[in-house]
């Protein structure tokens, strides 16, 4: 699996700069087959409540396997938001890799040695 992260910026309608972060996971053939076999595209890898500063509002950030496979874009107001989204995407991708490892090992046995 490879994770591609693209950062972009554009002028806002009222001036200022808007930022975008796009994340897309590229899977190997085997990884893609495992996701299909276990119908795992809707599995949520990361779910966080994001509070909007200076308001009582919030929204839920969902990153799922299908979203990472097709590419997911996050729109941000500042660079700090970009960094936070990037951290969350990388965390979700780490979880995705764990899912893949578990799916690969169904029907087998794992040996864990403790010293």
Protein backbone atom coordinates (compact mmCIF):
# COMPACT_ATOMS: atom_id res chain seq x y z
CA UNK A 1 0.00 0.00 0.00
CA UNK A 2 1.13 3.49 -0.81
CA UNK A 3 -0.44 6.67 0.53
CA UNK A 4 -0.42 9.71 -1.75
CA UNK A 5 -1.00 13.07 -0.09
CA UNK A 6 -1.53 16.19 -2.19
CA UNK A 7 -1.64 19.66 -0.69
CA UNK A 8 -3.16 22.48 -2.71
CA UNK A 9 -4.32 26.05 -2.24
CA UNK A 10 -6.71 28.41 -3.98
CA UNK A 11 -8.03 31.92 -3.56
CA UNK A 12 -11.21 32.12 -1.50
CA UNK A 13 -14.32 33.85 -2.87
CA UNK A 14 -13.90 36.70 -0.39
CA UNK A 15 -10.14 36.85 -0.69
CA UNK A 16 -7.70 34.96 1.45
CA UNK A 17 -6.33 31.53 0.78
CA UNK A 18 -8.11 28.20 1.13
CA UNK A 19 -6.25 24.94 1.52
CA UNK A 20 -7.02 21.39 0.40
CA UNK A 21 -5.52 18.08 1.36
CA UNK A 22 -6.25 15.05 -0.81
CA UNK A 23 -5.32 11.56 0.37
CA UNK A 24 -5.47 8.42 -1.74
CA UNK A 25 -4.26 4.92 -0.96
CA UNK A 26 -2.92 2.82 -3.82
CA UNK A 27 -3.26 -0.88 -3.06
CA UNK A 28 -1.46 -3.87 -4.47
CA UNK A 29 -3.56 -6.42 -6.33
CA UNK A 30 -3.57 -8.71 -3.29
CA UNK A 31 -4.65 -5.92 -0.94
CA UNK A 32 -7.42 -4.84 -3.28
CA UNK A 33 -8.64 -8.44 -3.57
CA UNK A 34 -8.75 -8.77 0.22
CA UNK A 35 -10.83 -5.59 0.56
CA UNK A 36 -13.25 -6.95 -2.06
CA UNK A 37 -13.36 -10.44 -0.55
CA UNK A 38 -14.24 -9.15 2.93
CA UNK A 39 -16.39 -6.27 1.62
CA UNK A 40 -14.37 -3.95 3.83
CA UNK A 41 -14.70 -0.71 1.84
CA UNK A 42 -17.19 0.74 4.35
CA UNK A 43 -15.06 -0.09 7.40
CA UNK A 44 -14.36 3.07 9.38
CA UNK A 45 -10.67 3.54 10.09
CA UNK A 46 -10.93 6.80 12.01
CA UNK A 47 -13.86 8.75 13.40
CA UNK A 48 -13.29 12.00 15.25
CA UNK A 49 -15.46 14.84 16.40
CA UNK A 50 -13.92 18.12 15.28
CA UNK A 51 -15.00 21.20 17.23
CA UNK A 52 -15.29 24.42 15.26
CA UNK A 53 -13.45 27.14 17.21
CA UNK A 54 -15.47 30.03 18.66
CA UNK A 55 -18.79 28.23 18.05
CA UNK A 56 -20.73 25.48 19.74
CA UNK A 57 -20.75 23.52 16.48
CA UNK A 58 -18.77 20.45 15.52
CA UNK A 59 -18.65 17.88 12.75
CA UNK A 60 -17.65 14.24 12.52
CA UNK A 61 -14.57 13.34 10.50
CA UNK A 62 -14.97 9.85 9.03
CA UNK A 63 -12.19 8.16 7.15
CA UNK A 64 -13.12 4.76 5.76
CA UNK A 65 -11.36 2.24 3.55
CA UNK A 66 -13.41 3.08 0.45
CA UNK A 67 -12.72 6.79 0.88
CA UNK A 68 -8.99 6.22 1.04
CA UNK A 69 -9.10 3.92 -1.98
CA UNK A 70 -10.99 6.41 -4.17
CA UNK A 71 -9.34 9.49 -2.69
CA UNK A 72 -10.67 11.81 -0.04
CA UNK A 73 -10.35 15.61 -0.04
CA UNK A 74 -10.42 17.83 3.02
CA UNK A 75 -10.93 21.59 2.73
CA UNK A 76 -9.18 23.71 5.34
CA UNK A 77 -8.89 27.32 6.39
CA UNK A 78 -5.28 27.29 7.54
CA UNK A 79 -2.07 25.30 7.57
CA UNK A 80 -2.65 24.03 11.11
CA UNK A 81 -5.82 22.31 9.84
CA UNK A 82 -3.88 20.77 6.96
CA UNK A 83 -1.34 19.34 9.40
CA UNK A 84 -4.10 17.94 11.64
CA UNK A 85 -5.90 16.29 8.71
CA UNK A 86 -2.61 14.88 7.44
CA UNK A 87 -1.88 13.38 10.88
CA UNK A 88 -5.38 11.85 10.96
CA UNK A 89 -5.03 10.39 7.46
CA UNK A 90 -1.68 8.81 8.32
CA UNK A 91 -3.18 7.33 11.49
CA UNK A 92 -6.11 5.93 9.48
CA UNK A 93 -3.72 4.45 6.93
CA UNK A 94 -1.79 2.70 9.71
CA UNK A 95 -5.07 1.19 10.90
CA UNK A 96 -5.85 0.19 7.29
CA UNK A 97 -2.53 -1.66 7.06
CA UNK A 98 -3.46 -3.58 10.24
CA UNK A 99 -6.82 -4.54 8.68
CA UNK A 100 -4.97 -5.87 5.62
CA UNK A 101 -2.62 -7.94 7.78
CA UNK A 102 -5.55 -9.46 9.70
CA UNK A 103 -7.44 -10.23 6.47
CA UNK A 104 -4.32 -11.94 5.04
CA UNK A 105 -4.02 -14.24 8.03
CA UNK A 106 -7.56 -15.61 8.30
CA UNK A 107 -7.43 -19.37 8.19
CA UNK A 108 -3.89 -19.42 9.51
CA UNK A 109 -2.20 -19.26 12.86
CA UNK A 110 -0.15 -16.44 14.30
CA UNK A 111 2.61 -17.20 16.78
CA UNK A 112 3.58 -14.44 19.19
CA UNK A 113 6.68 -15.04 21.25
CA UNK A 114 7.19 -13.08 24.45
CA UNK A 115 10.59 -12.92 26.10
